[in-house]
Amino acid sequence: MPMNSRERVLRAIEYRSAGGRIPFSISAHSTLAKYGEPLLRMIRDTGCDFYDVNDLKMPDAAFMNKTTDVDAWGCRWDYALPGKAGVMSYSPLEDWANLKSYKMPAVPRVSAKDIAAAERTRERYPVWGPVEGFFQVMENLRGIENIMMDFYTQPEEVQKLIDRMLTEYHLPAIEEQLKLKPDILGLNDDWGTQTALLISPELWRQFMKPVYKKMIALCHQGGAKAWFHSCGYTRAILPEFIELGLDVINPQICCMDVAEYSEVARGKITIFPDVDRQHVLVEGNPDDVRKHIRELYDKLGTPQGGLIGQAPLEPEMPLENLKAMLEIVSCYTRDNE
């Protein structure tokens, strides 16, 4: 019996692949709004190991035309570009005096309908449960400049916020997602600039490592793999995540030394690497795209696993480059050292 996508993904994460192509995912974001049906057909012809591409739909007008929004945390966002991330314009905890009276949002509840949908998904694809970024919420609540200074000037207040977020929201949110019996829970926080961590490794270990230790442990207690996305130069904390037992890391790997990163990770954690969407995918031609992804993947993983491909389709990329990316990511094999 041929392997289905769920089995292919889990085998790659557990370093017990049976050969053949690596599993891969596709993200289209607002790019479907730019290229329309030709791109949608291209994606459906390619397939994907994380969801049924036939369920993809064109972005609706409300999503593309949104100009302002207030999220569940009370943070206000302004949107200048259609379908793109917004800019924070109001942070409810800009004044620490508001922390005591601040009410955390209700944890989104898993319904019987959600559980039934997860069971249907499990027949072919891995069941994925999202978990809201932790530091992401901290910086939204305080404002990025404030929270960066707070680690040095207001460490007691930072710890109070961390403790409340963990106990009142993030750990209960993971417990709720575990009702789906997910294969994977997706955690995320962008921890790097293009060249360094946002804070020192020492501060990260003091404040944030205990947070992720609890979150990852809870994922594992519920039988789920822990997956972590983090943009930027995050090489300094890769060993920390390996120590915590993280299963999959999704790094912006092209701003780091790929071979050296892989040397540390190989056999210990699975890599879901970003491609160079800043330069090669935008400025190069289809041959450049194929060469870049092939050379990148050749440095990662092993024939037994440890590598999952991704095709992040962005509106700045020419359609022919999107096609080349889908072609190489969907057929790449790691059978030989």
Protein backbone atom coordinates (compact mmCIF):
# COMPACT_ATOMS: atom_id res chain seq x y z
CA MET A 1 0.00 0.00 0.00
CA PRO A 2 1.49 3.40 -0.97
CA MET A 3 2.36 5.84 1.78
CA ASN A 4 -0.11 8.67 2.33
CA SER A 5 0.89 12.25 3.12
CA ARG A 6 0.40 11.92 6.87
CA GLU A 7 2.72 8.93 7.02
CA ARG A 8 5.29 10.67 4.82
CA VAL A 9 5.37 13.74 7.08
CA LEU A 10 5.58 11.79 10.35
CA ARG A 11 8.27 9.47 8.99
CA ALA A 12 10.37 12.49 7.96
CA ILE A 13 10.03 14.07 11.40
CA GLU A 14 10.93 10.82 13.14
CA TYR A 15 13.91 10.04 10.86
CA ARG A 16 12.39 6.84 9.56
CA SER A 17 11.70 7.76 5.95
CA ALA A 18 11.37 4.93 3.46
CA GLY A 19 12.96 6.85 0.59
CA GLY A 20 11.41 8.71 -2.30
CA ARG A 21 10.48 12.38 -2.36
CA ILE A 22 10.47 14.49 0.78
CA PRO A 23 7.13 15.78 2.13
CA PHE A 24 6.34 19.41 1.36
CA SER A 25 3.88 22.20 2.05
CA ILE A 26 2.59 25.12 -0.02
CA SER A 27 1.55 28.54 1.27
CA ALA A 28 -0.14 30.91 -1.14
CA HIS A 29 -1.18 33.83 1.09
CA SER A 30 -2.48 36.76 -0.96
CA THR A 31 -0.62 35.60 -4.08
CA LEU A 32 -3.74 33.88 -5.37
CA ALA A 33 -5.38 37.30 -5.59
CA LYS A 34 -2.62 38.48 -7.95
CA TYR A 35 -2.29 35.47 -10.25
CA GLY A 36 -5.78 34.04 -9.94
CA GLU A 37 -6.93 30.80 -11.53
CA PRO A 38 -3.63 29.99 -13.33
CA LEU A 39 -1.82 29.78 -9.98
CA LEU A 40 -4.71 27.95 -8.33
CA ARG A 41 -4.62 25.31 -11.08
CA MET A 42 -0.84 25.05 -10.73
CA ILE A 43 -1.15 24.39 -7.00
CA ARG A 44 -3.93 21.84 -7.48
CA ASP A 45 -1.88 20.03 -10.12
CA THR A 46 1.09 19.87 -7.73
CA GLY A 47 -0.66 18.72 -4.56
CA CYS A 48 0.65 19.05 -1.02
CA ASP A 49 1.33 16.84 2.01
CA PHE A 50 -0.31 19.04 4.63
CA TYR A 51 -3.80 19.72 3.30
CA ASP A 52 -6.11 19.01 0.38
CA VAL A 53 -5.25 21.63 -2.25
CA ASN A 54 -8.73 21.22 -3.72
CA ASP A 55 -10.02 23.06 -0.65
CA LEU A 56 -8.04 26.19 -1.56
CA LYS A 57 -10.15 29.17 -2.55
CA MET A 58 -9.44 32.65 -3.81
CA PRO A 59 -9.05 35.26 -1.03
CA ASP A 60 -12.31 37.06 -0.39
CA ALA A 61 -12.73 40.81 -0.81
CA ALA A 62 -13.12 41.42 2.92
CA PHE A 63 -9.70 39.89 3.59
CA MET A 64 -7.97 41.78 0.78
CA ASN A 65 -9.60 45.16 1.46
CA LYS A 66 -9.27 45.25 5.24
CA THR A 67 -7.88 48.60 6.43
CA THR A 68 -8.05 48.29 10.22
CA ASP A 69 -8.80 45.61 12.79
CA VAL A 70 -8.76 45.00 16.55
CA ASP A 71 -7.63 41.52 17.58
CA ALA A 72 -8.74 39.40 20.53
CA TRP A 73 -6.00 40.93 22.72
CA GLY A 74 -7.26 44.46 22.14
CA CYS A 75 -4.40 45.41 19.80
CA ARG A 76 -5.32 47.60 16.83
CA TRP A 77 -3.83 46.93 13.39
CA ASP A 78 -3.72 49.16 10.32
CA TYR A 79 -3.32 47.59 6.87
CA ALA A 80 -1.66 49.48 4.01
CA LEU A 81 -1.09 46.60 1.56
CA PRO A 82 -3.86 44.18 0.49
CA GLY A 83 -3.52 40.78 2.13
CA LYS A 84 -0.32 41.69 3.97
CA ALA A 85 0.44 41.85 7.69
CA GLY A 86 -0.70 45.03 9.39
CA VAL A 87 1.13 47.64 11.45
CA MET A 88 0.40 47.95 15.16
CA SER A 89 -1.26 51.27 16.00
CA TYR A 90 -2.48 50.62 19.58
CA SER A 91 -1.01 48.45 22.34
CA PRO A 92 -3.27 47.98 25.40
CA LEU A 93 -0.37 47.49 27.83
CA GLU A 94 1.74 50.43 26.69
CA ASP A 95 1.41 51.50 30.32
CA TRP A 96 2.40 48.71 32.73
CA ALA A 97 -0.19 50.08 35.17
CA ASN A 98 -2.86 48.46 32.97
CA LEU A 99 -1.52 44.93 33.50
CA LYS A 100 -3.31 44.26 36.78
CA SER A 101 -6.75 45.00 35.33
CA TYR A 102 -6.06 43.60 31.86
CA LYS A 103 -8.25 40.63 30.95
CA MET A 104 -6.76 37.91 28.77
CA PRO A 105 -8.90 36.82 25.80
CA ALA A 106 -10.96 33.67 25.98
CA VAL A 107 -9.21 30.56 24.71
CA PRO A 108 -10.75 29.44 21.37
CA ARG A 109 -12.72 26.28 22.03
CA VAL A 110 -12.56 23.09 20.00
CA SER A 111 -16.02 21.96 18.91
CA ALA A 112 -17.40 18.54 18.05
CA LYS A 113 -17.40 19.72 14.44
CA ASP A 114 -13.67 20.52 14.71
CA ILE A 115 -12.95 17.07 16.13
CA ALA A 116 -14.90 15.37 13.33
CA ALA A 117 -13.02 17.42 10.72
CA ALA A 118 -9.70 16.40 12.32
CA GLU A 119 -10.66 12.74 12.07
CA ARG A 120 -11.39 13.13 8.37
CA THR A 121 -8.09 14.93 7.83
CA ARG A 122 -6.17 12.20 9.67
CA GLU A 123 -7.11 9.68 6.99
CA ARG A 124 -4.72 11.38 4.53
CA TYR A 125 -2.95 14.36 6.07
CA PRO A 126 -1.33 15.25 9.41
CA VAL A 127 -3.68 16.98 11.85
CA TRP A 128 -2.28 20.42 12.64
CA GLY A 129 -3.20 22.62 15.58
CA PRO A 130 -2.09 26.28 15.64
CA VAL A 131 -0.87 28.01 18.80
CA GLU A 132 -0.57 31.79 18.91
CA GLY A 133 2.96 33.21 19.10
CA PHE A 134 4.04 33.98 22.67
CA PHE A 135 6.63 36.73 22.29
CA GLN A 136 4.57 37.97 19.37
CA VAL A 137 1.72 38.71 21.77
CA MET A 138 4.10 40.25 24.31
CA GLU A 139 5.46 42.72 21.77
CA ASN A 140 1.97 43.50 20.51
CA LEU A 141 0.64 44.18 24.00
CA ARG A 142 3.55 46.42 25.02
CA GLY A 143 4.86 47.67 21.67
CA ILE A 144 8.15 46.41 20.25
CA GLU A 145 10.35 49.26 21.54
CA ASN A 146 8.88 49.03 25.03
CA ILE A 147 9.22 45.26 25.41
CA MET A 148 12.80 45.28 24.12
CA MET A 149 13.75 47.79 26.82
CA ASP A 150 11.60 46.06 29.44
CA PHE A 151 13.86 43.00 29.50
CA TYR A 152 16.53 45.29 30.96
CA THR A 153 14.56 47.97 32.82
CA GLN A 154 11.35 46.22 33.94
CA PRO A 155 12.22 42.50 34.30
CA GLU A 156 9.71 41.97 37.12
CA GLU A 157 6.84 43.27 35.00
CA VAL A 158 7.97 41.16 32.05
CA GLN A 159 7.90 38.05 34.24
CA LYS A 160 4.43 38.91 35.54
CA LEU A 161 3.15 39.20 31.98
CA ILE A 162 4.82 35.92 31.00
CA ASP A 163 3.32 34.10 33.97
CA ARG A 164 -0.19 35.39 33.26
CA MET A 165 -0.02 34.61 29.55
CA LEU A 166 1.18 31.07 30.22
CA THR A 167 -1.36 30.18 32.88
CA GLU A 168 -4.37 32.12 31.57
CA TYR A 169 -4.01 31.61 27.83
CA HIS A 170 -1.19 29.73 26.10
CA LEU A 171 -1.05 26.52 28.13
CA PRO A 172 -4.88 26.28 28.22
CA ALA A 173 -4.88 26.94 24.45
CA ILE A 174 -2.53 24.01 23.89
CA GLU A 175 -4.68 21.81 26.12
CA GLU A 176 -7.71 22.80 24.06
CA GLN A 177 -5.96 22.02 20.76
CA LEU A 178 -4.93 18.62 22.12
CA LYS A 179 -8.61 17.65 22.07
CA LEU A 180 -8.13 17.28 18.30
CA LYS A 181 -5.48 14.60 18.94
CA PRO A 182 -3.19 16.55 16.58
CA ASP A 183 -0.10 15.10 15.00
CA ILE A 184 1.58 18.52 15.15
CA LEU A 185 1.10 21.72 17.14
CA GLY A 186 2.53 24.79 15.44
CA LEU A 187 4.30 27.31 17.68
CA ASN A 188 5.86 30.49 16.36
CA ASP A 189 7.86 33.56 17.35
CA ASP A 190 10.24 35.58 15.18
CA TRP A 191 13.44 35.85 17.21
CA GLY A 192 16.00 37.29 14.81
CA THR A 193 17.00 40.29 12.79
CA GLN A 194 18.87 39.56 9.57
CA THR A 195 22.14 39.24 11.51
CA ALA A 196 21.47 38.48 15.19
CA LEU A 197 18.96 37.59 17.89
CA LEU A 198 16.58 40.33 18.99
CA ILE A 199 17.86 39.95 22.56
CA SER A 200 20.98 38.36 23.98
CA PRO A 201 21.06 34.57 24.29
CA GLU A 202 21.39 35.04 28.05
CA LEU A 203 18.17 37.05 28.29
CA TRP A 204 16.43 34.59 25.98
CA ARG A 205 17.44 31.70 28.25
CA GLN A 206 16.32 33.59 31.35
CA PHE A 207 12.89 34.71 30.17
CA MET A 208 11.82 32.68 27.14
CA LYS A 209 13.42 29.25 27.34
CA PRO A 210 11.28 28.28 30.39
CA VAL A 211 8.18 29.34 28.42
CA TYR A 212 8.97 27.11 25.46
CA LYS A 213 10.04 24.27 27.74
CA LYS A 214 6.54 24.19 29.24
CA MET A 215 4.78 24.58 25.90
CA ILE A 216 6.83 21.88 24.14
CA ALA A 217 6.48 19.49 27.08
CA LEU A 218 2.70 19.94 27.06
CA CYS A 219 2.57 19.22 23.31
CA HIS A 220 4.50 15.99 23.88
CA GLN A 221 2.35 15.00 26.86
CA GLY A 222 -0.65 15.20 24.55
CA GLY A 223 1.00 13.07 21.87
CA ALA A 224 1.73 15.91 19.43
CA LYS A 225 4.93 16.89 17.68
CA ALA A 226 6.09 20.44 18.48
CA TRP A 227 6.85 22.61 15.44
CA PHE A 228 8.40 26.09 15.76
CA HIS A 229 8.59 28.88 13.17
CA SER A 230 11.11 31.68 13.71
CA CYS A 231 12.31 34.24 11.18
CA GLY A 232 15.71 35.89 11.34
CA TYR A 233 19.19 34.89 12.46
CA THR A 234 18.42 32.35 15.19
CA ARG A 235 21.48 30.10 15.07
CA ALA A 236 22.39 30.89 18.70
CA ILE A 237 19.21 29.28 20.06
CA LEU A 238 19.13 26.20 17.82
CA PRO A 239 20.92 24.06 20.46
CA GLU A 240 18.45 25.33 23.06
CA PHE A 241 15.48 24.12 21.03
CA ILE A 242 17.18 20.77 20.42
CA GLU A 243 17.72 20.45 24.18
CA LEU A 244 14.02 21.18 24.77
CA GLY A 245 13.06 18.31 22.46
CA LEU A 246 11.56 20.44 19.68
CA ASP A 247 10.62 18.19 16.77
CA VAL A 248 10.61 20.59 13.80
CA ILE A 249 12.25 24.00 13.32
CA ASN A 250 11.16 26.38 10.54
CA PRO A 251 14.05 28.85 10.19
CA GLN A 252 14.85 31.67 7.80
CA ILE A 253 17.87 29.59 7.04
CA CYS A 254 19.27 31.60 4.12
CA CYS A 255 20.43 34.40 6.44
CA MET A 256 22.62 31.85 8.26
CA ASP A 257 25.40 29.43 7.31
CA VAL A 258 23.28 26.59 5.93
CA ALA A 259 25.93 23.87 6.10
CA GLU A 260 26.90 24.77 9.66
CA TYR A 261 23.24 24.97 10.74
CA SER A 262 22.59 21.55 9.26
CA GLU A 263 25.65 20.10 10.98
CA VAL A 264 24.21 21.08 14.36
CA ALA A 265 20.67 19.94 13.52
CA ARG A 266 21.23 16.74 11.58
CA GLY A 267 19.81 13.70 13.32
CA LYS A 268 18.49 15.78 16.23
CA ILE A 269 15.68 17.90 14.79
CA THR A 270 13.79 18.15 11.50
CA ILE A 271 14.25 21.29 9.40
CA PHE A 272 11.43 22.95 7.44
CA PRO A 273 13.65 25.53 5.72
CA ASP A 274 12.52 28.76 4.15
CA VAL A 275 13.89 29.50 0.69
CA ASP A 276 15.48 32.79 -0.39
CA ARG A 277 12.29 34.73 -1.01
CA GLN A 278 14.16 38.04 -0.61
CA HIS A 279 16.47 37.64 -3.59
CA VAL A 280 16.56 34.41 -5.63
CA LEU A 281 12.81 33.85 -5.87
CA VAL A 282 12.15 37.52 -6.64
CA GLU A 283 15.16 38.56 -8.73
CA GLY A 284 16.30 35.27 -10.30
CA ASN A 285 14.99 33.19 -13.20
CA PRO A 286 13.48 29.67 -13.06
CA ASP A 287 16.89 28.02 -13.45
CA ASP A 288 18.22 30.08 -10.54
CA VAL A 289 15.25 28.97 -8.44
CA ARG A 290 15.75 25.27 -9.18
CA LYS A 291 19.49 25.49 -8.54
CA HIS A 292 19.02 27.40 -5.27
CA ILE A 293 16.48 24.99 -3.81
CA ARG A 294 18.35 21.89 -4.94
CA GLU A 295 21.62 23.14 -3.43
CA LEU A 296 19.85 24.20 -0.23
CA TYR A 297 18.12 20.86 0.26
CA ASP A 298 21.28 18.91 -0.58
CA LYS A 299 22.85 20.37 2.57
CA LEU A 300 19.93 19.45 4.84
CA GLY A 301 18.44 16.31 6.32
CA THR A 302 19.44 12.71 5.68
CA PRO A 303 18.10 9.83 3.57
CA GLN A 304 16.28 8.73 6.74
CA GLY A 305 14.49 12.06 7.21
CA GLY A 306 14.96 15.38 8.92
CA LEU A 307 13.85 17.55 5.98
CA ILE A 308 10.44 18.89 4.93
CA GLY A 309 10.15 21.14 1.89
CA GLN A 310 8.11 24.28 1.53
CA ALA A 311 6.96 26.47 -1.32
CA PRO A 312 6.09 29.95 -0.01
CA LEU A 313 4.33 31.62 -2.94
CA GLU A 314 4.63 35.40 -2.63
CA PRO A 315 3.07 38.06 -4.90
CA GLU A 316 6.48 39.67 -5.54
CA MET A 317 7.68 36.49 -7.27
CA PRO A 318 7.22 36.04 -11.05
CA LEU A 319 4.74 33.32 -11.96
CA GLU A 320 7.43 31.33 -13.81
CA ASN A 321 9.52 31.27 -10.61
CA LEU A 322 6.54 30.03 -8.62
CA LYS A 323 6.13 27.23 -11.14
CA ALA A 324 9.84 26.31 -10.91
CA MET A 325 9.67 26.28 -7.11
CA LEU A 326 6.65 23.97 -7.11
CA GLU A 327 8.36 21.64 -9.58
CA ILE A 328 11.57 21.18 -7.60
CA VAL A 329 10.04 21.11 -4.11
CA SER A 330 7.42 18.54 -5.09
CA CYS A 331 9.87 16.04 -6.57
CA TYR A 332 13.06 16.46 -4.51
CA THR A 333 14.49 13.24 -3.10
CA ARG A 334 17.14 12.81 -0.41
CA ASP A 335 17.93 9.15 -1.02
CA ASN A 336 21.70 9.55 -1.36
CA GLU A 337 24.30 11.15 0.90
